[in-house]
C-alpha atoms as a PDB file:
ATOM      1  CA  MET A   1       5.098 -44.989 -35.098  1.00  0.00           C
ATOM      2  CA  LYS A   2       6.276 -42.171 -37.331  1.00  0.00           C
ATOM      3  CA  THR A   3       7.805 -39.053 -35.820  1.00  0.00           C
ATOM      4  CA  GLY A   4       5.159 -36.595 -34.678  1.00  0.00           C
ATOM      5  CA  GLU A   5       2.387 -39.142 -34.235  1.00  0.00           C
ATOM      6  CA  TYR A   6       0.787 -39.539 -30.853  1.00  0.00           C
ATOM      7  CA  VAL A   7      -2.105 -41.119 -28.989  1.00  0.00           C
ATOM      8  CA  THR A   8      -4.505 -39.126 -26.830  1.00  0.00           C
ATOM      9  CA  VAL A   9      -6.183 -40.635 -23.776  1.00  0.00           C
ATOM     10  CA  VAL A  10      -9.215 -38.925 -22.227  1.00  0.00           C
ATOM     11  CA  GLY A  11     -10.003 -40.520 -18.899  1.00  0.00           C
ATOM     12  CA  GLY A  12      -9.566 -40.847 -15.185  1.00  0.00           C
ATOM     13  CA  VAL A  13      -6.594 -40.029 -12.991  1.00  0.00           C
ATOM     14  CA  ASN A  14      -6.561 -40.836  -9.309  1.00  0.00           C
ATOM     15  CA  VAL A  15      -4.584 -42.025  -6.335  1.00  0.00           C
ATOM     16  CA  ASP A  16      -4.715 -45.811  -5.927  1.00  0.00           C
ATOM     17  CA  ILE A  17      -4.702 -47.175  -2.378  1.00  0.00           C
ATOM     18  CA  THR A  18      -4.484 -50.967  -2.404  1.00  0.00           C
ATOM     19  CA  GLY A  19      -4.597 -53.441   0.475  1.00  0.00           C
ATOM     20  CA  PHE A  20      -2.975 -56.881   0.196  1.00  0.00           C
ATOM     21  CA  PRO A  21      -3.868 -59.378   2.976  1.00  0.00           C
ATOM     22  CA  ALA A  22      -1.081 -61.568   4.342  1.00  0.00           C
ATOM     23  CA  ALA A  23      -3.467 -64.531   4.699  1.00  0.00           C
ATOM     24  CA  PRO A  24      -6.898 -65.517   3.320  1.00  0.00           C
ATOM     25  CA  LEU A  25      -9.118 -62.433   3.519  1.00  0.00           C
ATOM     26  CA  VAL A  26     -11.597 -62.393   6.406  1.00  0.00           C
ATOM     27  CA  PRO A  27     -14.622 -60.194   5.579  1.00  0.00           C
ATOM     28  CA  ARG A  28     -15.804 -57.622   8.124  1.00  0.00           C
ATOM     29  CA  ASP A  29     -12.518 -57.808  10.032  1.00  0.00           C
ATOM     30  CA  SER A  30      -9.139 -56.116  10.213  1.00  0.00           C
ATOM     31  CA  ASN A  31      -6.721 -58.148   8.109  1.00  0.00           C
ATOM     32  CA  PRO A  32      -2.947 -57.974   8.598  1.00  0.00           C
ATOM     33  CA  GLY A  33      -1.163 -57.218   5.352  1.00  0.00           C
ATOM     34  CA  THR A  34       0.410 -54.417   3.366  1.00  0.00           C
ATOM     35  CA  VAL A  35      -0.995 -51.183   1.939  1.00  0.00           C
ATOM     36  CA  SER A  36       0.456 -49.494  -1.129  1.00  0.00           C
ATOM     37  CA  ILE A  37      -0.208 -46.011  -2.508  1.00  0.00           C
ATOM     38  CA  SER A  38       0.358 -45.321  -6.174  1.00  0.00           C
ATOM     39  CA  PHE A  39      -0.912 -43.101  -8.960  1.00  0.00           C
ATOM     40  CA  GLY A  40      -3.601 -44.626 -11.142  1.00  0.00           C
ATOM     41  CA  GLY A  41      -6.956 -44.176 -12.768  1.00  0.00           C
ATOM     42  CA  VAL A  42      -7.964 -46.079 -15.888  1.00  0.00           C
ATOM     43  CA  GLY A  43      -6.957 -43.298 -18.279  1.00  0.00           C
ATOM     44  CA  ARG A  44      -3.631 -42.680 -16.588  1.00  0.00           C
ATOM     45  CA  ASN A  45      -2.848 -46.403 -16.337  1.00  0.00           C
ATOM     46  CA  ILE A  46      -3.505 -46.875 -20.056  1.00  0.00           C
ATOM     47  CA  ALA A  47      -1.369 -43.810 -20.812  1.00  0.00           C
ATOM     48  CA  GLU A  48       1.561 -45.019 -18.695  1.00  0.00           C
ATOM     49  CA  ASN A  49       1.446 -48.447 -20.326  1.00  0.00           C
ATOM     50  CA  LEU A  50       1.452 -46.740 -23.736  1.00  0.00           C
ATOM     51  CA  VAL A  51       4.535 -44.727 -22.774  1.00  0.00           C
ATOM     52  CA  LYS A  52       6.248 -47.925 -21.639  1.00  0.00           C
ATOM     53  CA  LEU A  53       5.398 -49.426 -25.045  1.00  0.00           C
ATOM     54  CA  GLY A  54       7.197 -46.511 -26.689  1.00  0.00           C
ATOM     55  CA  ILE A  55       4.188 -44.480 -27.846  1.00  0.00           C
ATOM     56  CA  HIS A  56       4.111 -40.681 -27.495  1.00  0.00           C
ATOM     57  CA  THR A  57       0.992 -40.163 -25.358  1.00  0.00           C
ATOM     58  CA  LYS A  58      -1.038 -37.142 -24.255  1.00  0.00           C
ATOM     59  CA  LEU A  59      -3.453 -37.451 -21.330  1.00  0.00           C
ATOM     60  CA  ILE A  60      -6.502 -35.230 -20.811  1.00  0.00           C
ATOM     61  CA  SER A  61      -8.057 -35.512 -17.363  1.00  0.00           C
ATOM     62  CA  ALA A  62      -8.854 -33.504 -14.219  1.00  0.00           C
ATOM     63  CA  ILE A  63      -6.915 -33.449 -10.958  1.00  0.00           C
ATOM     64  CA  GLY A  64      -6.801 -31.335  -7.824  1.00  0.00           C
ATOM     65  CA  ASP A  65      -4.030 -28.907  -6.957  1.00  0.00           C
ATOM     66  CA  ASP A  66      -3.311 -30.904  -3.787  1.00  0.00           C
ATOM     67  CA  LEU A  67      -0.066 -32.723  -2.981  1.00  0.00           C
ATOM     68  CA  TYR A  68      -1.151 -35.841  -4.871  1.00  0.00           C
ATOM     69  CA  GLY A  69      -2.037 -33.810  -7.964  1.00  0.00           C
ATOM     70  CA  GLN A  70       1.350 -32.080  -7.929  1.00  0.00           C
ATOM     71  CA  GLN A  71       3.111 -35.422  -7.546  1.00  0.00           C
ATOM     72  CA  ILE A  72       1.102 -36.938 -10.407  1.00  0.00           C
ATOM     73  CA  LEU A  73       2.206 -34.127 -12.740  1.00  0.00           C
ATOM     74  CA  ALA A  74       5.835 -34.454 -11.641  1.00  0.00           C
ATOM     75  CA  ASP A  75       5.719 -38.228 -12.133  1.00  0.00           C
ATOM     76  CA  ALA A  76       4.255 -37.768 -15.624  1.00  0.00           C
ATOM     77  CA  ARG A  77       7.038 -35.347 -16.614  1.00  0.00           C
ATOM     78  CA  GLU A  78       9.658 -37.792 -15.362  1.00  0.00           C
ATOM     79  CA  MET A  79       8.298 -40.727 -17.383  1.00  0.00           C
ATOM     80  CA  GLY A  80       7.595 -38.697 -20.533  1.00  0.00           C
ATOM     81  CA  LEU A  81       3.797 -38.668 -20.350  1.00  0.00           C
ATOM     82  CA  ASP A  82       2.341 -35.386 -21.628  1.00  0.00           C
ATOM     83  CA  MET A  83      -0.248 -34.043 -19.152  1.00  0.00           C
ATOM     84  CA  GLU A  84       0.035 -30.392 -20.199  1.00  0.00           C
ATOM     85  CA  GLU A  85      -3.613 -30.332 -21.300  1.00  0.00           C
ATOM     86  CA  THR A  86      -5.004 -31.824 -18.066  1.00  0.00           C
ATOM     87  CA  LEU A  87      -7.331 -29.619 -16.014  1.00  0.00           C
ATOM     88  CA  VAL A  88      -5.878 -28.684 -12.600  1.00  0.00           C
ATOM     89  CA  LEU A  89      -8.583 -27.550 -10.167  1.00  0.00           C
ATOM     90  CA  LYS A  90      -7.810 -25.132  -7.364  1.00  0.00           C
ATOM     91  CA  ASN A  91      -8.780 -26.099  -3.816  1.00  0.00           C
ATOM     92  CA  ARG A  92      -9.900 -29.569  -4.925  1.00  0.00           C
ATOM     93  CA  ALA A  93      -8.673 -33.016  -3.971  1.00  0.00           C
ATOM     94  CA  THR A  94      -7.442 -35.455  -6.595  1.00  0.00           C
ATOM     95  CA  SER A  95      -9.746 -38.436  -7.138  1.00  0.00           C
ATOM     96  CA  ALA A  96      -9.007 -41.596  -5.151  1.00  0.00           C
ATOM     97  CA  TYR A  97      -9.609 -45.333  -5.618  1.00  0.00           C
ATOM     98  CA  LEU A  98      -9.441 -47.683  -2.630  1.00  0.00           C
ATOM     99  CA  ALA A  99      -9.252 -51.440  -3.328  1.00  0.00           C
ATOM    100  CA  VAL A 100      -9.015 -54.473  -1.050  1.00  0.00           C
ATOM    101  CA  LEU A 101      -7.601 -57.585  -2.704  1.00  0.00           C
ATOM    102  CA  ASP A 102      -7.806 -61.200  -1.579  1.00  0.00           C
ATOM    103  CA  GLU A 103      -4.863 -63.545  -1.097  1.00  0.00           C
ATOM    104  CA  LYS A 104      -5.006 -64.462  -4.803  1.00  0.00           C
ATOM    105  CA  GLY A 105      -4.661 -60.845  -5.907  1.00  0.00           C
ATOM    106  CA  ASP A 106      -8.280 -60.502  -7.042  1.00  0.00           C
ATOM    107  CA  MET A 107     -10.249 -57.409  -6.049  1.00  0.00           C
ATOM    108  CA  GLN A 108     -12.850 -58.154  -3.376  1.00  0.00           C
ATOM    109  CA  SER A 109     -14.142 -54.664  -2.647  1.00  0.00           C
ATOM    110  CA  ALA A 110     -13.422 -51.116  -3.715  1.00  0.00           C
ATOM    111  CA  ILE A 111     -14.543 -47.532  -3.208  1.00  0.00           C
ATOM    112  CA  SER A 112     -14.210 -45.069  -6.082  1.00  0.00           C
ATOM    113  CA  ASP A 113     -14.209 -41.304  -5.340  1.00  0.00           C
ATOM    114  CA  MET A 114     -14.233 -39.721  -8.803  1.00  0.00           C
ATOM    115  CA  ASP A 115     -16.172 -36.480  -8.245  1.00  0.00           C
ATOM    116  CA  THR A 116     -13.246 -34.358  -9.444  1.00  0.00           C
ATOM    117  CA  LEU A 117     -13.634 -35.856 -12.934  1.00  0.00           C
ATOM    118  CA  GLU A 118     -17.118 -34.354 -13.171  1.00  0.00           C
ATOM    119  CA  SER A 119     -15.369 -30.998 -13.671  1.00  0.00           C
ATOM    120  CA  LEU A 120     -14.407 -32.136 -17.171  1.00  0.00           C
ATOM    121  CA  ASP A 121     -17.184 -30.381 -19.073  1.00  0.00           C
ATOM    122  CA  ILE A 122     -18.053 -29.786 -22.713  1.00  0.00           C
ATOM    123  CA  ALA A 123     -16.664 -26.233 -22.708  1.00  0.00           C
ATOM    124  CA  PHE A 124     -13.282 -27.553 -21.578  1.00  0.00           C
ATOM    125  CA  ILE A 125     -13.230 -30.497 -23.990  1.00  0.00           C
ATOM    126  CA  LYS A 126     -14.129 -28.246 -26.952  1.00  0.00           C
ATOM    127  CA  GLU A 127     -10.771 -26.530 -26.479  1.00  0.00           C
ATOM    128  CA  LYS A 128      -9.041 -29.897 -26.855  1.00  0.00           C
ATOM    129  CA  ARG A 129     -10.569 -30.753 -30.219  1.00  0.00           C
ATOM    130  CA  PRO A 130      -7.296 -30.455 -32.218  1.00  0.00           C
ATOM    131  CA  LEU A 131      -5.499 -32.621 -29.666  1.00  0.00           C
ATOM    132  CA  ILE A 132      -8.137 -35.333 -30.048  1.00  0.00           C
ATOM    133  CA  GLU A 133      -8.751 -35.159 -33.794  1.00  0.00           C
ATOM    134  CA  GLN A 134      -5.071 -35.061 -34.762  1.00  0.00           C
ATOM    135  CA  ALA A 135      -4.241 -38.120 -32.658  1.00  0.00           C
ATOM    136  CA  ARG A 136      -3.549 -41.435 -34.369  1.00  0.00           C
ATOM    137  CA  VAL A 137      -5.895 -42.996 -31.790  1.00  0.00           C
ATOM    138  CA  CYS A 138      -8.001 -41.524 -28.981  1.00  0.00           C
ATOM    139  CA  VAL A 139      -8.758 -43.811 -26.041  1.00  0.00           C
ATOM    140  CA  LEU A 140     -11.858 -42.945 -24.014  1.00  0.00           C
ATOM    141  CA  ASP A 141     -12.633 -44.404 -20.609  1.00  0.00           C
ATOM    142  CA  THR A 142     -16.122 -44.166 -19.183  1.00  0.00           C
ATOM    143  CA  ASN A 143     -15.050 -42.500 -15.938  1.00  0.00           C
ATOM    144  CA  ILE A 144     -15.525 -39.154 -17.680  1.00  0.00           C
ATOM    145  CA  PRO A 145     -19.009 -37.577 -17.715  1.00  0.00           C
ATOM    146  CA  GLY A 146     -21.540 -39.082 -20.114  1.00  0.00           C
ATOM    147  CA  LYS A 147     -22.315 -35.731 -21.750  1.00  0.00           C
ATOM    148  CA  VAL A 148     -18.622 -35.235 -22.519  1.00  0.00           C
ATOM    149  CA  LEU A 149     -18.331 -38.728 -24.013  1.00  0.00           C
ATOM    150  CA  GLU A 150     -21.401 -38.038 -26.129  1.00  0.00           C
ATOM    151  CA  TYR A 151     -20.062 -34.666 -27.300  1.00  0.00           C
ATOM    152  CA  ILE A 152     -16.683 -36.108 -28.312  1.00  0.00           C
ATOM    153  CA  LEU A 153     -18.193 -39.037 -30.214  1.00  0.00           C
ATOM    154  CA  ASP A 154     -20.852 -36.942 -31.966  1.00  0.00           C
ATOM    155  CA  ASN A 155     -18.645 -33.999 -32.899  1.00  0.00           C
ATOM    156  CA  MET A 156     -15.071 -35.192 -33.338  1.00  0.00           C
ATOM    157  CA  GLU A 157     -13.468 -37.463 -35.921  1.00  0.00           C
ATOM    158  CA  THR A 158     -10.604 -39.865 -35.244  1.00  0.00           C
ATOM    159  CA  ILE A 159     -10.074 -43.539 -34.368  1.00  0.00           C
ATOM    160  CA  PHE A 160     -11.714 -44.137 -30.966  1.00  0.00           C
ATOM    161  CA  PHE A 161     -10.887 -47.042 -28.654  1.00  0.00           C
ATOM    162  CA  LEU A 162     -13.176 -47.736 -25.699  1.00  0.00           C
ATOM    163  CA  ASP A 163     -12.329 -48.865 -22.187  1.00  0.00           C
ATOM    164  CA  THR A 164     -15.674 -49.721 -20.611  1.00  0.00           C
ATOM    165  CA  VAL A 165     -14.321 -49.529 -16.983  1.00  0.00           C
ATOM    166  CA  SER A 166     -17.411 -51.171 -15.414  1.00  0.00           C
ATOM    167  CA  THR A 167     -20.871 -52.450 -16.287  1.00  0.00           C
ATOM    168  CA  ALA A 168     -22.634 -49.394 -14.869  1.00  0.00           C
ATOM    169  CA  LYS A 169     -20.298 -46.874 -16.506  1.00  0.00           C
ATOM    170  CA  ALA A 170     -20.377 -48.715 -19.836  1.00  0.00           C
ATOM    171  CA  MET A 171     -24.066 -47.793 -20.098  1.00  0.00           C
ATOM    172  CA  LYS A 172     -22.967 -44.211 -20.832  1.00  0.00           C
ATOM    173  CA  VAL A 173     -21.965 -45.308 -24.334  1.00  0.00           C
ATOM    174  CA  LYS A 174     -24.562 -48.021 -25.021  1.00  0.00           C
ATOM    175  CA  ASP A 175     -26.259 -45.923 -27.708  1.00  0.00           C
ATOM    176  CA  LEU A 176     -22.932 -44.665 -29.082  1.00  0.00           C
ATOM    177  CA  ILE A 177     -21.116 -47.990 -29.377  1.00  0.00           C
ATOM    178  CA  GLY A 178     -20.919 -47.803 -33.172  1.00  0.00           C
ATOM    179  CA  LYS A 179     -18.763 -44.661 -32.927  1.00  0.00           C
ATOM    180  CA  PHE A 180     -15.866 -46.757 -31.608  1.00  0.00           C
ATOM    181  CA  HIS A 181     -13.324 -48.472 -33.816  1.00  0.00           C
ATOM    182  CA  THR A 182     -12.291 -50.935 -31.095  1.00  0.00           C
ATOM    183  CA  ILE A 183     -14.038 -52.090 -27.925  1.00  0.00           C
ATOM    184  CA  LYS A 184     -12.871 -54.359 -25.104  1.00  0.00           C
ATOM    185  CA  PRO A 185     -15.798 -55.272 -22.832  1.00  0.00           C
ATOM    186  CA  ASN A 186     -15.794 -58.235 -20.484  1.00  0.00           C
ATOM    187  CA  LYS A 187     -18.560 -60.822 -20.823  1.00  0.00           C
ATOM    188  CA  ILE A 188     -21.036 -59.027 -18.536  1.00  0.00           C
ATOM    189  CA  GLU A 189     -20.361 -55.628 -20.129  1.00  0.00           C
ATOM    190  CA  ALA A 190     -20.804 -57.154 -23.585  1.00  0.00           C
ATOM    191  CA  GLU A 191     -24.175 -58.589 -22.511  1.00  0.00           C
ATOM    192  CA  VAL A 192     -25.345 -55.226 -21.201  1.00  0.00           C
ATOM    193  CA  LEU A 193     -24.125 -53.279 -24.241  1.00  0.00           C
ATOM    194  CA  SER A 194     -25.632 -55.736 -26.737  1.00  0.00           C
ATOM    195  CA  GLY A 195     -28.754 -56.791 -24.840  1.00  0.00           C
ATOM    196  CA  MET A 196     -27.773 -60.440 -25.413  1.00  0.00           C
ATOM    197  CA  GLU A 197     -27.015 -63.244 -22.988  1.00  0.00           C
ATOM    198  CA  ILE A 198     -23.725 -65.045 -23.541  1.00  0.00           C
ATOM    199  CA  ASN A 199     -23.792 -68.698 -22.507  1.00  0.00           C
ATOM    200  CA  ILE A 200     -22.203 -70.627 -25.366  1.00  0.00           C
ATOM    201  CA  ASP A 201     -19.741 -69.957 -28.192  1.00  0.00           C
ATOM    202  CA  LYS A 202     -22.524 -69.179 -30.653  1.00  0.00           C
ATOM    203  CA  ASP A 203     -23.714 -66.433 -28.315  1.00  0.00           C
ATOM    204  CA  LEU A 204     -20.242 -64.880 -28.435  1.00  0.00           C
ATOM    205  CA  GLU A 205     -20.345 -64.913 -32.219  1.00  0.00           C
ATOM    206  CA  ARG A 206     -23.804 -63.317 -32.299  1.00  0.00           C
ATOM    207  CA  CYS A 207     -22.724 -60.674 -29.805  1.00  0.00           C
ATOM    208  CA  GLY A 208     -19.628 -59.875 -31.847  1.00  0.00           C
ATOM    209  CA  GLU A 209     -21.708 -59.654 -35.008  1.00  0.00           C
ATOM    210  CA  TYR A 210     -24.085 -57.244 -33.280  1.00  0.00           C
ATOM    211  CA  PHE A 211     -21.258 -54.855 -32.402  1.00  0.00           C
ATOM    212  CA  LEU A 212     -19.858 -55.079 -35.927  1.00  0.00           C
ATOM    213  CA  SER A 213     -23.306 -54.299 -37.348  1.00  0.00           C
ATOM    214  CA  GLN A 214     -23.365 -51.124 -35.252  1.00  0.00           C
ATOM    215  CA  GLY A 215     -20.124 -49.898 -36.820  1.00  0.00           C
ATOM    216  CA  VAL A 216     -17.411 -51.270 -34.515  1.00  0.00           C
ATOM    217  CA  LYS A 217     -14.374 -52.532 -36.469  1.00  0.00           C
ATOM    218  CA  GLN A 218     -12.655 -54.674 -33.822  1.00  0.00           C
ATOM    219  CA  VAL A 219     -14.354 -56.518 -30.957  1.00  0.00           C
ATOM    220  CA  PHE A 220     -12.443 -58.116 -28.076  1.00  0.00           C
ATOM    221  CA  ILE A 221     -14.548 -59.764 -25.355  1.00  0.00           C
ATOM    222  CA  SER A 222     -12.684 -60.731 -22.196  1.00  0.00           C
ATOM    223  CA  LEU A 223     -13.868 -64.023 -20.711  1.00  0.00           C
ATOM    224  CA  GLY A 224     -11.748 -64.021 -17.558  1.00  0.00           C
ATOM    225  CA  ALA A 225     -10.374 -67.482 -16.822  1.00  0.00           C
ATOM    226  CA  GLN A 226     -11.825 -68.671 -20.164  1.00  0.00           C
ATOM    227  CA  GLY A 227      -9.590 -66.307 -22.120  1.00  0.00           C
ATOM    228  CA  LEU A 228     -10.549 -63.956 -24.939  1.00  0.00           C
ATOM    229  CA  TYR A 229     -12.888 -63.912 -27.942  1.00  0.00           C
ATOM    230  CA  TYR A 230     -12.138 -61.565 -30.827  1.00  0.00           C
ATOM    231  CA  THR A 231     -13.634 -60.723 -34.211  1.00  0.00           C
ATOM    232  CA  ASP A 232     -13.444 -58.106 -36.948  1.00  0.00           C
ATOM    233  CA  GLY A 233     -15.869 -59.827 -39.318  1.00  0.00           C
ATOM    234  CA  ALA A 234     -13.134 -61.260 -41.537  1.00  0.00           C
ATOM    235  CA  ALA A 235     -11.382 -63.137 -38.739  1.00  0.00           C
ATOM    236  CA  ARG A 236     -12.455 -64.443 -35.358  1.00  0.00           C
ATOM    237  CA  GLY A 237     -10.897 -66.570 -32.693  1.00  0.00           C
ATOM    238  CA  HIS A 238     -10.630 -67.631 -29.086  1.00  0.00           C
ATOM    239  CA  ILE A 239      -7.421 -67.429 -27.070  1.00  0.00           C
ATOM    240  CA  PRO A 240      -7.265 -69.386 -23.799  1.00  0.00           C
ATOM    241  CA  ALA A 241      -6.108 -67.542 -20.690  1.00  0.00           C
ATOM    242  CA  PRO A 242      -2.385 -68.028 -20.046  1.00  0.00           C
ATOM    243  CA  LYS A 243      -1.469 -70.086 -17.001  1.00  0.00           C
ATOM    244  CA  ILE A 244       0.408 -67.684 -14.773  1.00  0.00           C
ATOM    245  CA  ASP A 245       0.545 -66.854 -11.084  1.00  0.00           C
ATOM    246  CA  VAL A 246      -1.682 -63.808 -10.548  1.00  0.00           C
ATOM    247  CA  VAL A 247      -0.107 -61.315  -8.149  1.00  0.00           C
ATOM    248  CA  ASN A 248      -2.405 -58.317  -8.762  1.00  0.00           C
ATOM    249  CA  ALA A 249      -5.338 -58.350 -11.205  1.00  0.00           C
ATOM    250  CA  THR A 250      -6.189 -54.651 -11.068  1.00  0.00           C
ATOM    251  CA  GLY A 251      -4.021 -53.474 -13.976  1.00  0.00           C
ATOM    252  CA  ALA A 252      -4.576 -56.244 -16.508  1.00  0.00           C
ATOM    253  CA  GLY A 253      -7.310 -54.481 -18.490  1.00  0.00           C
ATOM    254  CA  ASP A 254      -5.351 -51.233 -18.703  1.00  0.00           C
ATOM    255  CA  ALA A 255      -2.324 -53.051 -20.117  1.00  0.00           C
ATOM    256  CA  PHE A 256      -4.580 -54.952 -22.519  1.00  0.00           C
ATOM    257  CA  ILE A 257      -6.094 -51.887 -24.171  1.00  0.00           C
ATOM    258  CA  ALA A 258      -2.726 -50.096 -24.319  1.00  0.00           C
ATOM    259  CA  ALA A 259      -1.379 -53.125 -26.159  1.00  0.00           C
ATOM    260  CA  LEU A 260      -4.355 -53.063 -28.545  1.00  0.00           C
ATOM    261  CA  VAL A 261      -3.537 -49.450 -29.376  1.00  0.00           C
ATOM    262  CA  TYR A 262       0.098 -50.411 -29.939  1.00  0.00           C
ATOM    263  CA  GLY A 263      -0.998 -53.233 -32.241  1.00  0.00           C
ATOM    264  CA  TYR A 264      -3.217 -50.893 -34.256  1.00  0.00           C
ATOM    265  CA  CYS A 265      -0.426 -48.336 -34.623  1.00  0.00           C
ATOM    266  CA  GLN A 266       1.934 -51.086 -35.784  1.00  0.00           C
ATOM    267  CA  GLY A 267      -0.546 -52.379 -38.360  1.00  0.00           C
ATOM    268  CA  TYR A 268      -1.101 -55.749 -36.641  1.00  0.00           C
ATOM    269  CA  ASP A 269      -4.024 -57.844 -37.802  1.00  0.00           C
ATOM    270  CA  ILE A 270      -6.661 -58.628 -35.175  1.00  0.00           C
ATOM    271  CA  GLY A 271      -5.152 -62.013 -34.289  1.00  0.00           C
ATOM    272  CA  GLN A 272      -1.704 -60.500 -33.734  1.00  0.00           C
ATOM    273  CA  SER A 273      -3.220 -57.687 -31.676  1.00  0.00           C
ATOM    274  CA  ALA A 274      -5.152 -60.175 -29.533  1.00  0.00           C
ATOM    275  CA  LYS A 275      -2.043 -62.253 -28.762  1.00  0.00           C
ATOM    276  CA  PHE A 276       0.068 -59.193 -28.031  1.00  0.00           C
ATOM    277  CA  ALA A 277      -2.625 -57.739 -25.758  1.00  0.00           C
ATOM    278  CA  MET A 278      -3.144 -61.031 -23.899  1.00  0.00           C
ATOM    279  CA  SER A 279       0.597 -61.207 -23.293  1.00  0.00           C
ATOM    280  CA  ALA A 280       0.725 -57.608 -22.057  1.00  0.00           C
ATOM    281  CA  SER A 281      -2.168 -58.391 -19.735  1.00  0.00           C
ATOM    282  CA  ALA A 282      -0.345 -61.465 -18.413  1.00  0.00           C
ATOM    283  CA  LEU A 283       2.764 -59.353 -17.790  1.00  0.00           C
ATOM    284  CA  ALA A 284       0.636 -56.898 -15.802  1.00  0.00           C
ATOM    285  CA  LEU A 285      -0.926 -59.718 -13.752  1.00  0.00           C
ATOM    286  CA  SER A 286       2.486 -60.994 -12.710  1.00  0.00           C
ATOM    287  CA  HIS A 287       3.528 -57.922 -10.702  1.00  0.00           C
ATOM    288  CA  GLU A 288       2.227 -56.484  -7.430  1.00  0.00           C
ATOM    289  CA  LYS A 289       2.069 -52.972  -8.873  1.00  0.00           C
ATOM    290  CA  THR A 290      -0.924 -51.999 -11.023  1.00  0.00           C
ATOM    291  CA  ILE A 291       1.503 -51.091 -13.811  1.00  0.00           C
ATOM    292  CA  ASN A 292       4.345 -53.543 -14.186  1.00  0.00           C
ATOM    293  CA  PRO A 293       7.584 -51.502 -14.217  1.00  0.00           C
ATOM    294  CA  ASN A 294       8.956 -54.113 -16.642  1.00  0.00           C
ATOM    295  CA  MET A 295       6.268 -53.411 -19.253  1.00  0.00           C
ATOM    296  CA  SER A 296       7.961 -53.061 -22.652  1.00  0.00           C
ATOM    297  CA  VAL A 297       7.509 -54.295 -26.195  1.00  0.00           C
ATOM    298  CA  ALA A 298      10.510 -56.600 -25.815  1.00  0.00           C
ATOM    299  CA  ASN A 299       9.179 -58.160 -22.613  1.00  0.00           C
ATOM    300  CA  VAL A 300       5.671 -58.584 -24.018  1.00  0.00           C
ATOM    301  CA  ASN A 301       7.094 -60.283 -27.114  1.00  0.00           C
ATOM    302  CA  ARG A 302       9.280 -62.504 -24.960  1.00  0.00           C
ATOM    303  CA  LEU A 303       6.315 -63.554 -22.846  1.00  0.00           C
ATOM    304  CA  MET A 304       4.186 -64.081 -25.965  1.00  0.00           C
ATOM    305  CA  GLU A 305       6.766 -66.532 -27.321  1.00  0.00           C
ATOM    306  CA  GLY A 306       6.736 -68.413 -24.015  1.00  0.00           C
ATOM    307  CA  LEU A 307       2.959 -68.646 -23.949  1.00  0.00           C
END
């Protein structure tokens, strides 16, 4: 990226508390294992991955002025993530996300306490208009209030990338999907956003064409173990999922969209972006932490060559 360019992320920040069982998970019981506490949230995770990929990144979110909030700001300063425009709320707790994984590293259950993010309102986001519109790319995650998402998309102009977060939260932008340049839903989210069932390859093509007809420029549909489908109208393809040992699946999507942003900023075509993002996702899957500390352009490229 050229000097002075940056990416803005508007999304969630929270404390991640993750439980890893030492043996096959037994539901409704106390499972021996390990518990880790780290800083996360979809928006923050994307932003940290972007920083690790060498992109100057600004994060707009809301946190409490509690100990966790103070530590999150200090951690951001240390890594070079700009959180100067984040809203810090007095006498409020920072949002928290509690996840229980199974022995394979897949999430089995989670509780999301994101009430603090509801304090991001239109009056606050209006003040951030220059920060959003002057960004090379603005990534939006659907943890932020629907009215704020709607205001940004209806009143601000830049290149918007969408992280759907979940099926329920993706519904916030169902009627605004054409405002996004790039979207990355999984199969179920794509079905909900398009109103189409996806059972065979032709269904994927029709779904992709629907999003393109709405105004989306790049469509990436995650198919889990079946890999990834992508299209921009001129090119389309399917990339099988890489065969790797999954240690923790919670950060794969965050790494994927950060890598898509990197690809866009580097002028990659959609096929190059898809391969780079799949490799970044695989790198994320291979580490117990939500954000692989070894995330870098060099390591993603190295893994991409191996795959």
